[in-house]
Amino acid sequence: MLSSGLTLIFSMMGVLNFAHASFYMVGAYAAYTLTGVIGFTASLVVSPLLVGALGALFERTALRRVHKFGHVPELLITFGLSYVVGEVVALVWGRSPLTFDPPLWLQGPAFTIVQSAVRGLSVVAGAAPAELCSGVGDACTRFPMTRAFMALVALGMLASLWLLLTRTRIGLVIQAALTHPEMAEALGHNVPRVFMLVFGSGCALAGLAGVIGGVTFVTEPNMANIGPIIFAVIVIGGMGSLSGAFVGSLVVGLLQTLPLTVDANGVDVFRHLGLAIGPDSPLFPLLRIKLSETAQILPYLMLVLILIFRPKGLLGTRES
């Protein structure tokens, strides 16, 4: 969800918004405050609009002024904005995590995977009856409703963006403003306003992700630290590619979760090959690290390899 908004801004404007995760955090805090006034369902709509308006205001008053100087000033000003937003959020809401529980319709499991020694593998909608999980050799895994809702909204977001940019007149105007701004202005379109709306829309998508992320995970100032992994997703998938953002998020998700199931290290590999690696070996400090302990750094290792061997990403089209 976050990657789609960042990809929208980069693909349409060429701006690497370093403060994108900060807008995600603002969306969560705005929803936390608005939920006590208008309820969660209404804040699910109002909070992204509020964050989008803040993003459009930032583009209009600050980012537009440095856009003509290139990417470095854009990166620096969004980098500074991320720190300002983080400190403002800490001053207003504090640095402690907030209790932001999901509404009743998002509580409980969406479905339960039941593994039985007698009946095999089956899926039950909602919570499985206790008798299915209490037998000898039976095991039940519940998938939370919040995560199912998050996945559904993310897929809907990607499909909507793709349809908007490729099948509507609005998308045609946006792409024309990016590739041929002079011609778009000659045809009567306000190109700066188009860029402002695109930036605001990308921030609104980050705000929507923040609302759902706030009730799914923890609402705290540190939730903006998710920013580096978002950049890894869009670089691996391909900068400016919505389909690449989808594929990149899957790849990063697999890299962060699959290694957790492997409790082996390089010493075990060499042992299977008939080579003994002892504590006296100079490689032992590196080889003794288990694969499960490297899960958090594998996406960034993949990022480095992608930049070296395929700079445009898996599904990207830009060479620079």
C-alpha atoms as a PDB file:
ATOM      1  CA  MET A   1       0.000   0.000   0.000  1.00  0.00           C
ATOM      2  CA  LEU A   2       2.801   2.397   0.863  1.00  0.00           C
ATOM      3  CA  SER A   3       4.807   1.448  -2.206  1.00  0.00           C
ATOM      4  CA  SER A   4       1.938   2.212  -4.572  1.00  0.00           C
ATOM      5  CA  GLY A   5       1.688   5.810  -3.319  1.00  0.00           C
ATOM      6  CA  LEU A   6       5.445   6.331  -3.500  1.00  0.00           C
ATOM      7  CA  THR A   7       5.550   4.758  -6.947  1.00  0.00           C
ATOM      8  CA  LEU A   8       2.749   7.063  -8.101  1.00  0.00           C
ATOM      9  CA  ILE A   9       4.690  10.150  -7.002  1.00  0.00           C
ATOM     10  CA  PHE A  10       7.979   8.960  -8.468  1.00  0.00           C
ATOM     11  CA  SER A  11       6.562   7.688 -11.742  1.00  0.00           C
ATOM     12  CA  MET A  12       4.532  10.830 -12.391  1.00  0.00           C
ATOM     13  CA  MET A  13       6.802  13.513 -10.922  1.00  0.00           C
ATOM     14  CA  GLY A  14      10.228  11.890 -10.650  1.00  0.00           C
ATOM     15  CA  VAL A  15      10.334  12.869  -6.959  1.00  0.00           C
ATOM     16  CA  LEU A  16      11.765  10.470  -4.375  1.00  0.00           C
ATOM     17  CA  ASN A  17       9.611  11.460  -1.419  1.00  0.00           C
ATOM     18  CA  PHE A  18      11.716  10.646   1.629  1.00  0.00           C
ATOM     19  CA  ALA A  19       8.859  11.804   3.895  1.00  0.00           C
ATOM     20  CA  HIS A  20       6.398   9.267   2.482  1.00  0.00           C
ATOM     21  CA  ALA A  21       6.523   7.119   5.629  1.00  0.00           C
ATOM     22  CA  SER A  22       5.884  10.256   7.695  1.00  0.00           C
ATOM     23  CA  PHE A  23       2.602  10.804   5.852  1.00  0.00           C
ATOM     24  CA  TYR A  24       1.834   7.155   6.639  1.00  0.00           C
ATOM     25  CA  MET A  25       2.403   7.926  10.333  1.00  0.00           C
ATOM     26  CA  VAL A  26       0.282  11.085  10.181  1.00  0.00           C
ATOM     27  CA  GLY A  27      -2.554   9.037   8.675  1.00  0.00           C
ATOM     28  CA  ALA A  28      -2.471   6.662  11.648  1.00  0.00           C
ATOM     29  CA  TYR A  29      -2.445   9.451  14.228  1.00  0.00           C
ATOM     30  CA  ALA A  30      -5.144  11.430  12.419  1.00  0.00           C
ATOM     31  CA  ALA A  31      -7.354   8.341  12.331  1.00  0.00           C
ATOM     32  CA  TYR A  32      -6.679   7.726  16.024  1.00  0.00           C
ATOM     33  CA  THR A  33      -7.908  11.221  16.867  1.00  0.00           C
ATOM     34  CA  LEU A  34     -10.824  11.266  14.439  1.00  0.00           C
ATOM     35  CA  THR A  35     -12.055   7.826  15.471  1.00  0.00           C
ATOM     36  CA  GLY A  36     -13.032   9.224  18.861  1.00  0.00           C
ATOM     37  CA  VAL A  37     -15.120  11.905  17.131  1.00  0.00           C
ATOM     38  CA  ILE A  38     -16.623  10.447  13.960  1.00  0.00           C
ATOM     39  CA  GLY A  39     -15.873   6.726  14.306  1.00  0.00           C
ATOM     40  CA  PHE A  40     -13.347   4.487  12.547  1.00  0.00           C
ATOM     41  CA  THR A  41     -15.302   3.945   9.329  1.00  0.00           C
ATOM     42  CA  ALA A  42     -15.651   7.674   8.649  1.00  0.00           C
ATOM     43  CA  SER A  43     -12.033   8.330   9.644  1.00  0.00           C
ATOM     44  CA  LEU A  44     -10.995   5.663   7.129  1.00  0.00           C
ATOM     45  CA  VAL A  45     -12.158   8.142   4.480  1.00  0.00           C
ATOM     46  CA  VAL A  46     -11.511  11.503   6.143  1.00  0.00           C
ATOM     47  CA  SER A  47      -7.959  10.814   7.386  1.00  0.00           C
ATOM     48  CA  PRO A  48      -6.481  10.003   3.928  1.00  0.00           C
ATOM     49  CA  LEU A  49      -8.172  13.111   2.526  1.00  0.00           C
ATOM     50  CA  LEU A  50      -6.651  15.186   5.326  1.00  0.00           C
ATOM     51  CA  VAL A  51      -3.185  13.705   4.727  1.00  0.00           C
ATOM     52  CA  GLY A  52      -3.577  14.230   0.982  1.00  0.00           C
ATOM     53  CA  ALA A  53      -4.440  17.907   1.596  1.00  0.00           C
ATOM     54  CA  LEU A  54      -1.325  18.285   3.753  1.00  0.00           C
ATOM     55  CA  GLY A  55       0.767  16.677   1.020  1.00  0.00           C
ATOM     56  CA  ALA A  56      -0.691  18.957  -1.642  1.00  0.00           C
ATOM     57  CA  LEU A  57      -0.031  21.978   0.588  1.00  0.00           C
ATOM     58  CA  PHE A  58       3.595  20.895   1.048  1.00  0.00           C
ATOM     59  CA  GLU A  59       4.034  20.458  -2.698  1.00  0.00           C
ATOM     60  CA  ARG A  60       2.480  23.847  -3.407  1.00  0.00           C
ATOM     61  CA  THR A  61       4.410  25.840  -0.817  1.00  0.00           C
ATOM     62  CA  ALA A  62       7.791  24.077  -0.566  1.00  0.00           C
ATOM     63  CA  LEU A  63       8.516  21.230  -2.954  1.00  0.00           C
ATOM     64  CA  ARG A  64       7.543  23.181  -6.076  1.00  0.00           C
ATOM     65  CA  ARG A  65      10.092  25.866  -5.246  1.00  0.00           C
ATOM     66  CA  VAL A  66      13.019  23.396  -5.314  1.00  0.00           C
ATOM     67  CA  HIS A  67      11.717  21.127  -8.104  1.00  0.00           C
ATOM     68  CA  LYS A  68      13.590  23.106 -10.765  1.00  0.00           C
ATOM     69  CA  PHE A  69      16.935  22.567  -8.972  1.00  0.00           C
ATOM     70  CA  GLY A  70      16.913  18.781  -9.430  1.00  0.00           C
ATOM     71  CA  HIS A  71      16.547  15.643  -7.366  1.00  0.00           C
ATOM     72  CA  VAL A  72      19.051  16.387  -4.598  1.00  0.00           C
ATOM     73  CA  PRO A  73      17.209  19.452  -3.211  1.00  0.00           C
ATOM     74  CA  GLU A  74      13.933  17.505  -3.472  1.00  0.00           C
ATOM     75  CA  LEU A  75      15.415  14.639  -1.519  1.00  0.00           C
ATOM     76  CA  LEU A  76      16.862  16.960   1.113  1.00  0.00           C
ATOM     77  CA  ILE A  77      13.667  18.924   1.653  1.00  0.00           C
ATOM     78  CA  THR A  78      11.569  15.778   2.036  1.00  0.00           C
ATOM     79  CA  PHE A  79      14.276  14.375   4.338  1.00  0.00           C
ATOM     80  CA  GLY A  80      13.957  17.485   6.506  1.00  0.00           C
ATOM     81  CA  LEU A  81      10.175  17.244   6.421  1.00  0.00           C
ATOM     82  CA  SER A  82      10.325  13.693   7.761  1.00  0.00           C
ATOM     83  CA  TYR A  83      12.201  14.918  10.850  1.00  0.00           C
ATOM     84  CA  VAL A  84       9.856  17.865  11.360  1.00  0.00           C
ATOM     85  CA  VAL A  85       6.775  15.635  11.115  1.00  0.00           C
ATOM     86  CA  GLY A  86       8.280  13.090  13.496  1.00  0.00           C
ATOM     87  CA  GLU A  87       9.009  15.718  16.142  1.00  0.00           C
ATOM     88  CA  VAL A  88       5.616  17.399  15.748  1.00  0.00           C
ATOM     89  CA  VAL A  89       3.846  14.057  16.165  1.00  0.00           C
ATOM     90  CA  ALA A  90       5.933  13.318  19.282  1.00  0.00           C
ATOM     91  CA  LEU A  91       5.079  16.744  20.740  1.00  0.00           C
ATOM     92  CA  VAL A  92       1.341  16.418  20.061  1.00  0.00           C
ATOM     93  CA  TRP A  93       0.695  12.734  20.817  1.00  0.00           C
ATOM     94  CA  GLY A  94       3.798  11.786  22.815  1.00  0.00           C
ATOM     95  CA  ARG A  95       6.447   9.163  22.136  1.00  0.00           C
ATOM     96  CA  SER A  96       4.616   6.266  23.784  1.00  0.00           C
ATOM     97  CA  PRO A  97       2.552   3.823  21.718  1.00  0.00           C
ATOM     98  CA  LEU A  98      -1.158   4.581  21.596  1.00  0.00           C
ATOM     99  CA  THR A  99      -3.974   2.128  22.142  1.00  0.00           C
ATOM    100  CA  PHE A 100      -5.682   2.103  18.744  1.00  0.00           C
ATOM    101  CA  ASP A 101      -7.897  -0.962  18.625  1.00  0.00           C
ATOM    102  CA  PRO A 102      -9.640  -2.010  15.405  1.00  0.00           C
ATOM    103  CA  PRO A 103     -13.438  -1.701  15.209  1.00  0.00           C
ATOM    104  CA  LEU A 104     -15.623  -4.710  15.905  1.00  0.00           C
ATOM    105  CA  TRP A 105     -15.986  -5.567  12.212  1.00  0.00           C
ATOM    106  CA  LEU A 106     -12.183  -5.869  11.913  1.00  0.00           C
ATOM    107  CA  GLN A 107     -11.658  -7.931  15.042  1.00  0.00           C
ATOM    108  CA  GLY A 108     -11.198 -11.679  15.083  1.00  0.00           C
ATOM    109  CA  PRO A 109      -9.853 -14.001  12.398  1.00  0.00           C
ATOM    110  CA  ALA A 110     -10.866 -13.754   8.730  1.00  0.00           C
ATOM    111  CA  PHE A 111     -10.343 -17.482   8.315  1.00  0.00           C
ATOM    112  CA  THR A 112      -8.704 -20.394  10.101  1.00  0.00           C
ATOM    113  CA  ILE A 113      -6.410 -22.973   8.555  1.00  0.00           C
ATOM    114  CA  VAL A 114      -7.106 -26.322  10.219  1.00  0.00           C
ATOM    115  CA  GLN A 115      -4.521 -29.066   9.949  1.00  0.00           C
ATOM    116  CA  SER A 116      -5.763 -32.420  11.153  1.00  0.00           C
ATOM    117  CA  ALA A 117      -4.032 -35.771  11.225  1.00  0.00           C
ATOM    118  CA  VAL A 118      -7.344 -37.400  10.221  1.00  0.00           C
ATOM    119  CA  ARG A 119      -9.117 -34.882   7.943  1.00  0.00           C
ATOM    120  CA  GLY A 120      -6.057 -33.250   6.376  1.00  0.00           C
ATOM    121  CA  LEU A 121      -5.794 -29.552   5.574  1.00  0.00           C
ATOM    122  CA  SER A 122      -8.931 -27.391   5.439  1.00  0.00           C
ATOM    123  CA  VAL A 123      -9.902 -23.727   5.640  1.00  0.00           C
ATOM    124  CA  VAL A 124     -12.775 -22.478   7.804  1.00  0.00           C
ATOM    125  CA  ALA A 125     -14.207 -18.965   7.449  1.00  0.00           C
ATOM    126  CA  GLY A 126     -13.856 -16.977  10.662  1.00  0.00           C
ATOM    127  CA  ALA A 127     -12.878 -18.751  13.854  1.00  0.00           C
ATOM    128  CA  ALA A 128     -12.881 -22.538  13.676  1.00  0.00           C
ATOM    129  CA  PRO A 129     -14.967 -24.404  16.282  1.00  0.00           C
ATOM    130  CA  ALA A 130     -12.976 -25.479  19.311  1.00  0.00           C
ATOM    131  CA  GLU A 131     -13.586 -29.167  18.633  1.00  0.00           C
ATOM    132  CA  LEU A 132     -11.671 -28.907  15.306  1.00  0.00           C
ATOM    133  CA  CYS A 133      -8.563 -27.609  17.080  1.00  0.00           C
ATOM    134  CA  SER A 134      -8.565 -29.640  20.279  1.00  0.00           C
ATOM    135  CA  GLY A 135      -7.979 -33.140  18.920  1.00  0.00           C
ATOM    136  CA  VAL A 136      -4.684 -35.002  19.063  1.00  0.00           C
ATOM    137  CA  GLY A 137      -2.564 -33.969  16.092  1.00  0.00           C
ATOM    138  CA  ASP A 138      -4.869 -31.038  15.218  1.00  0.00           C
ATOM    139  CA  ALA A 139      -3.530 -27.523  14.766  1.00  0.00           C
ATOM    140  CA  CYS A 140      -5.303 -24.275  13.877  1.00  0.00           C
ATOM    141  CA  THR A 141      -3.771 -21.086  12.457  1.00  0.00           C
ATOM    142  CA  ARG A 142      -5.943 -17.968  12.506  1.00  0.00           C
ATOM    143  CA  PHE A 143      -5.471 -15.199   9.912  1.00  0.00           C
ATOM    144  CA  PRO A 144      -6.468 -11.816  11.412  1.00  0.00           C
ATOM    145  CA  MET A 145      -9.275  -9.845   9.787  1.00  0.00           C
ATOM    146  CA  THR A 146      -7.162  -6.670   9.856  1.00  0.00           C
ATOM    147  CA  ARG A 147      -4.483  -8.247   7.671  1.00  0.00           C
ATOM    148  CA  ALA A 148      -7.088  -9.636   5.264  1.00  0.00           C
ATOM    149  CA  PHE A 149      -8.645  -6.169   5.009  1.00  0.00           C
ATOM    150  CA  MET A 150      -5.190  -4.688   4.435  1.00  0.00           C
ATOM    151  CA  ALA A 151      -4.495  -7.120   1.582  1.00  0.00           C
ATOM    152  CA  LEU A 152      -7.908  -6.454   0.025  1.00  0.00           C
ATOM    153  CA  VAL A 153      -7.446  -2.673   0.154  1.00  0.00           C
ATOM    154  CA  ALA A 154      -3.907  -2.956  -1.260  1.00  0.00           C
ATOM    155  CA  LEU A 155      -5.116  -4.991  -4.249  1.00  0.00           C
ATOM    156  CA  GLY A 156      -8.011  -2.595  -4.786  1.00  0.00           C
ATOM    157  CA  MET A 157      -5.632   0.348  -4.570  1.00  0.00           C
ATOM    158  CA  LEU A 158      -3.269  -1.086  -7.179  1.00  0.00           C
ATOM    159  CA  ALA A 159      -6.115  -1.988  -9.559  1.00  0.00           C
ATOM    160  CA  SER A 160      -7.705   1.454  -9.171  1.00  0.00           C
ATOM    161  CA  LEU A 161      -4.424   3.251  -9.829  1.00  0.00           C
ATOM    162  CA  TRP A 162      -3.732   1.145 -12.899  1.00  0.00           C
ATOM    163  CA  LEU A 163      -7.202   1.797 -14.296  1.00  0.00           C
ATOM    164  CA  LEU A 164      -6.964   5.518 -13.489  1.00  0.00           C
ATOM    165  CA  LEU A 165      -3.604   5.984 -15.193  1.00  0.00           C
ATOM    166  CA  THR A 166      -4.199   3.783 -18.231  1.00  0.00           C
ATOM    167  CA  ARG A 167      -7.939   3.832 -18.925  1.00  0.00           C
ATOM    168  CA  THR A 168      -9.163   7.329 -18.056  1.00  0.00           C
ATOM    169  CA  ARG A 169      -8.754  10.837 -19.440  1.00  0.00           C
ATOM    170  CA  ILE A 170      -7.336  11.969 -16.097  1.00  0.00           C
ATOM    171  CA  GLY A 171      -4.529   9.422 -16.388  1.00  0.00           C
ATOM    172  CA  LEU A 172      -3.856  10.565 -19.961  1.00  0.00           C
ATOM    173  CA  VAL A 173      -3.546  14.186 -18.815  1.00  0.00           C
ATOM    174  CA  ILE A 174      -1.252  13.184 -15.925  1.00  0.00           C
ATOM    175  CA  GLN A 175       1.072  11.199 -18.205  1.00  0.00           C
ATOM    176  CA  ALA A 176       1.062  13.984 -20.795  1.00  0.00           C
ATOM    177  CA  ALA A 177       1.979  16.503 -18.087  1.00  0.00           C
ATOM    178  CA  LEU A 178       4.940  14.320 -17.152  1.00  0.00           C
ATOM    179  CA  THR A 179       6.297  13.549 -20.607  1.00  0.00           C
ATOM    180  CA  HIS A 180       5.266  16.672 -22.565  1.00  0.00           C
ATOM    181  CA  PRO A 181       4.560  19.462 -20.050  1.00  0.00           C
ATOM    182  CA  GLU A 182       4.797  22.278 -22.616  1.00  0.00           C
ATOM    183  CA  MET A 183       2.290  20.606 -24.946  1.00  0.00           C
ATOM    184  CA  ALA A 184      -0.043  19.834 -22.030  1.00  0.00           C
ATOM    185  CA  GLU A 185       0.050  23.489 -20.984  1.00  0.00           C
ATOM    186  CA  ALA A 186      -0.549  24.586 -24.577  1.00  0.00           C
ATOM    187  CA  LEU A 187      -3.717  22.451 -24.575  1.00  0.00           C
ATOM    188  CA  GLY A 188      -4.977  24.323 -21.534  1.00  0.00           C
ATOM    189  CA  HIS A 189      -4.010  21.980 -18.709  1.00  0.00           C
ATOM    190  CA  ASN A 190      -2.503  23.428 -15.550  1.00  0.00           C
ATOM    191  CA  VAL A 191       0.616  21.253 -15.212  1.00  0.00           C
ATOM    192  CA  PRO A 192       1.701  22.545 -11.739  1.00  0.00           C
ATOM    193  CA  ARG A 193      -1.789  21.804 -10.439  1.00  0.00           C
ATOM    194  CA  VAL A 194      -1.625  18.304 -11.939  1.00  0.00           C
ATOM    195  CA  PHE A 195       1.669  17.686 -10.120  1.00  0.00           C
ATOM    196  CA  MET A 196       0.167  19.015  -6.881  1.00  0.00           C
ATOM    197  CA  LEU A 197      -2.813  16.670  -7.188  1.00  0.00           C
ATOM    198  CA  VAL A 198      -0.542  13.714  -7.978  1.00  0.00           C
ATOM    199  CA  PHE A 199       1.645  14.415  -4.954  1.00  0.00           C
ATOM    200  CA  GLY A 200      -1.421  14.884  -2.753  1.00  0.00           C
ATOM    201  CA  SER A 201      -2.942  11.640  -4.058  1.00  0.00           C
ATOM    202  CA  GLY A 202       0.252   9.725  -3.287  1.00  0.00           C
ATOM    203  CA  CYS A 203       0.269  11.151   0.239  1.00  0.00           C
ATOM    204  CA  ALA A 204      -3.420  10.263   0.630  1.00  0.00           C
ATOM    205  CA  LEU A 205      -2.611   6.654  -0.259  1.00  0.00           C
ATOM    206  CA  ALA A 206       0.102   6.719   2.406  1.00  0.00           C
ATOM    207  CA  GLY A 207      -2.476   8.114   4.836  1.00  0.00           C
ATOM    208  CA  LEU A 208      -4.906   5.298   3.987  1.00  0.00           C
ATOM    209  CA  ALA A 209      -2.130   2.778   4.622  1.00  0.00           C
ATOM    210  CA  GLY A 210      -1.468   4.527   7.932  1.00  0.00           C
ATOM    211  CA  VAL A 211      -5.089   4.218   9.052  1.00  0.00           C
ATOM    212  CA  ILE A 212      -5.108   0.471   8.447  1.00  0.00           C
ATOM    213  CA  GLY A 213      -1.543   0.027   9.680  1.00  0.00           C
ATOM    214  CA  GLY A 214      -2.370   1.909  12.865  1.00  0.00           C
ATOM    215  CA  VAL A 215      -5.024  -0.596  13.925  1.00  0.00           C
ATOM    216  CA  THR A 216      -3.068  -3.592  12.637  1.00  0.00           C
ATOM    217  CA  PHE A 217       0.326  -2.837  14.133  1.00  0.00           C
ATOM    218  CA  VAL A 218       1.379  -0.236  16.707  1.00  0.00           C
ATOM    219  CA  THR A 219       0.627   3.484  16.479  1.00  0.00           C
ATOM    220  CA  GLU A 220       3.822   5.197  17.593  1.00  0.00           C
ATOM    221  CA  PRO A 221       6.360   7.696  16.183  1.00  0.00           C
ATOM    222  CA  ASN A 222       8.722   4.850  15.262  1.00  0.00           C
ATOM    223  CA  MET A 223       6.234   3.550  12.719  1.00  0.00           C
ATOM    224  CA  ALA A 224       7.794   6.011  10.246  1.00  0.00           C
ATOM    225  CA  ASN A 225      10.963   3.907  10.339  1.00  0.00           C
ATOM    226  CA  ILE A 226       9.332   1.701   7.719  1.00  0.00           C
ATOM    227  CA  GLY A 227      10.595   4.162   5.091  1.00  0.00           C
ATOM    228  CA  PRO A 228      13.824   2.349   4.059  1.00  0.00           C
ATOM    229  CA  ILE A 229      12.013  -0.907   3.322  1.00  0.00           C
ATOM    230  CA  ILE A 230       9.563   0.973   1.058  1.00  0.00           C
ATOM    231  CA  PHE A 231      12.453   2.275  -1.024  1.00  0.00           C
ATOM    232  CA  ALA A 232      13.809  -1.276  -1.201  1.00  0.00           C
ATOM    233  CA  VAL A 233      10.435  -2.452  -2.526  1.00  0.00           C
ATOM    234  CA  ILE A 234      10.154   0.115  -5.309  1.00  0.00           C
ATOM    235  CA  VAL A 235      13.816  -0.251  -6.358  1.00  0.00           C
ATOM    236  CA  ILE A 236      13.604  -4.056  -6.475  1.00  0.00           C
ATOM    237  CA  GLY A 237      10.264  -3.989  -8.301  1.00  0.00           C
ATOM    238  CA  GLY A 238      11.261  -1.184 -10.627  1.00  0.00           C
ATOM    239  CA  MET A 239      11.014   2.542 -10.025  1.00  0.00           C
ATOM    240  CA  GLY A 240       7.844   4.022 -11.467  1.00  0.00           C
ATOM    241  CA  SER A 241       6.161   0.658 -12.121  1.00  0.00           C
ATOM    242  CA  LEU A 242       2.927  -0.161 -10.266  1.00  0.00           C
ATOM    243  CA  SER A 243       3.192  -3.834 -11.207  1.00  0.00           C
ATOM    244  CA  GLY A 244       6.812  -3.688 -10.087  1.00  0.00           C
ATOM    245  CA  ALA A 245       5.718  -2.286  -6.713  1.00  0.00           C
ATOM    246  CA  PHE A 246       3.369  -5.258  -6.333  1.00  0.00           C
ATOM    247  CA  VAL A 247       6.040  -7.792  -7.295  1.00  0.00           C
ATOM    248  CA  GLY A 248       8.663  -6.014  -5.197  1.00  0.00           C
ATOM    249  CA  SER A 249       6.438  -6.115  -2.116  1.00  0.00           C
ATOM    250  CA  LEU A 250       5.953  -9.872  -2.607  1.00  0.00           C
ATOM    251  CA  VAL A 251       9.685 -10.447  -3.030  1.00  0.00           C
ATOM    252  CA  VAL A 252      10.561  -8.407   0.059  1.00  0.00           C
ATOM    253  CA  GLY A 253       7.837 -10.125   2.065  1.00  0.00           C
ATOM    254  CA  LEU A 254       9.184 -13.545   1.112  1.00  0.00           C
ATOM    255  CA  LEU A 255      12.762 -12.500   1.894  1.00  0.00           C
ATOM    256  CA  GLN A 256      11.705 -11.341   5.352  1.00  0.00           C
ATOM    257  CA  THR A 257       9.583 -14.368   6.272  1.00  0.00           C
ATOM    258  CA  LEU A 258      10.864 -17.517   4.536  1.00  0.00           C
ATOM    259  CA  PRO A 259      14.378 -17.388   6.121  1.00  0.00           C
ATOM    260  CA  LEU A 260      12.723 -17.425   9.561  1.00  0.00           C
ATOM    261  CA  THR A 261      11.804 -21.067   8.930  1.00  0.00           C
ATOM    262  CA  VAL A 262      15.422 -22.104   8.268  1.00  0.00           C
ATOM    263  CA  ASP A 263      17.440 -22.761  11.428  1.00  0.00           C
ATOM    264  CA  ALA A 264      20.785 -23.414   9.750  1.00  0.00           C
ATOM    265  CA  ASN A 265      23.974 -21.496   9.075  1.00  0.00           C
ATOM    266  CA  GLY A 266      27.032 -21.624   6.866  1.00  0.00           C
ATOM    267  CA  VAL A 267      28.820 -24.018   9.237  1.00  0.00           C
ATOM    268  CA  ASP A 268      26.037 -26.571   8.686  1.00  0.00           C
ATOM    269  CA  VAL A 269      26.364 -26.184   4.902  1.00  0.00           C
ATOM    270  CA  PHE A 270      30.097 -26.842   4.985  1.00  0.00           C
ATOM    271  CA  ARG A 271      29.521 -29.789   7.335  1.00  0.00           C
ATOM    272  CA  HIS A 272      27.178 -31.382   4.777  1.00  0.00           C
ATOM    273  CA  LEU A 273      29.885 -30.839   2.165  1.00  0.00           C
ATOM    274  CA  GLY A 274      32.363 -32.712   4.345  1.00  0.00           C
ATOM    275  CA  LEU A 275      34.282 -29.604   5.425  1.00  0.00           C
ATOM    276  CA  ALA A 276      34.686 -28.787   9.100  1.00  0.00           C
ATOM    277  CA  ILE A 277      34.582 -25.122  10.132  1.00  0.00           C
ATOM    278  CA  GLY A 278      35.742 -24.577  13.695  1.00  0.00           C
ATOM    279  CA  PRO A 279      35.933 -21.525  15.971  1.00  0.00           C
ATOM    280  CA  ASP A 280      39.548 -21.047  14.913  1.00  0.00           C
ATOM    281  CA  SER A 281      38.559 -20.460  11.288  1.00  0.00           C
ATOM    282  CA  PRO A 282      38.642 -16.775  10.229  1.00  0.00           C
ATOM    283  CA  LEU A 283      35.243 -17.266   8.537  1.00  0.00           C
ATOM    284  CA  PHE A 284      33.573 -18.725  11.627  1.00  0.00           C
ATOM    285  CA  PRO A 285      32.158 -15.400  12.969  1.00  0.00           C
ATOM    286  CA  LEU A 286      30.374 -14.918   9.632  1.00  0.00           C
ATOM    287  CA  LEU A 287      29.390 -18.523   8.925  1.00  0.00           C
ATOM    288  CA  ARG A 288      27.935 -19.128  12.389  1.00  0.00           C
ATOM    289  CA  ILE A 289      25.141 -16.621  11.687  1.00  0.00           C
ATOM    290  CA  LYS A 290      21.880 -18.473  11.104  1.00  0.00           C
ATOM    291  CA  LEU A 291      19.824 -17.723   8.007  1.00  0.00           C
ATOM    292  CA  SER A 292      16.848 -16.843  10.212  1.00  0.00           C
ATOM    293  CA  GLU A 293      18.941 -14.074  11.805  1.00  0.00           C
ATOM    294  CA  THR A 294      19.604 -12.455   8.425  1.00  0.00           C
ATOM    295  CA  ALA A 295      15.937 -12.071   7.445  1.00  0.00           C
ATOM    296  CA  GLN A 296      15.894  -8.328   8.092  1.00  0.00           C
ATOM    297  CA  ILE A 297      18.977  -7.561   5.985  1.00  0.00           C
ATOM    298  CA  LEU A 298      18.210  -9.812   3.001  1.00  0.00           C
ATOM    299  CA  PRO A 299      15.907  -7.213   1.311  1.00  0.00           C
ATOM    300  CA  TYR A 300      18.718  -4.650   1.430  1.00  0.00           C
ATOM    301  CA  LEU A 301      21.203  -7.193   0.087  1.00  0.00           C
ATOM    302  CA  MET A 302      18.733  -7.833  -2.733  1.00  0.00           C
ATOM    303  CA  LEU A 303      18.503  -4.062  -3.236  1.00  0.00           C
ATOM    304  CA  VAL A 304      22.279  -3.806  -3.686  1.00  0.00           C
ATOM    305  CA  LEU A 305      22.336  -6.726  -6.141  1.00  0.00           C
ATOM    306  CA  ILE A 306      19.473  -5.227  -8.142  1.00  0.00           C
ATOM    307  CA  LEU A 307      21.240  -1.865  -8.385  1.00  0.00           C
ATOM    308  CA  ILE A 308      24.413  -3.592  -9.579  1.00  0.00           C
ATOM    309  CA  PHE A 309      23.000  -6.055 -12.103  1.00  0.00           C
ATOM    310  CA  ARG A 310      19.576  -4.605 -13.060  1.00  0.00           C
ATOM    311  CA  PRO A 311      19.327  -0.923 -12.066  1.00  0.00           C
ATOM    312  CA  LYS A 312      15.855  -0.515 -13.579  1.00  0.00           C
ATOM    313  CA  GLY A 313      14.426  -3.188 -11.246  1.00  0.00           C
ATOM    314  CA  LEU A 314      12.557  -6.408 -11.995  1.00  0.00           C
ATOM    315  CA  LEU A 315       9.700  -4.790 -13.934  1.00  0.00           C
ATOM    316  CA  GLY A 316      10.943  -1.246 -14.343  1.00  0.00           C
ATOM    317  CA  THR A 317      11.457   0.410 -17.684  1.00  0.00           C
ATOM    318  CA  ARG A 318      13.594   3.398 -16.748  1.00  0.00           C
ATOM    319  CA  GLU A 319      17.338   3.113 -17.256  1.00  0.00           C
ATOM    320  CA  SER A 320      18.090   6.047 -14.924  1.00  0.00           C
END
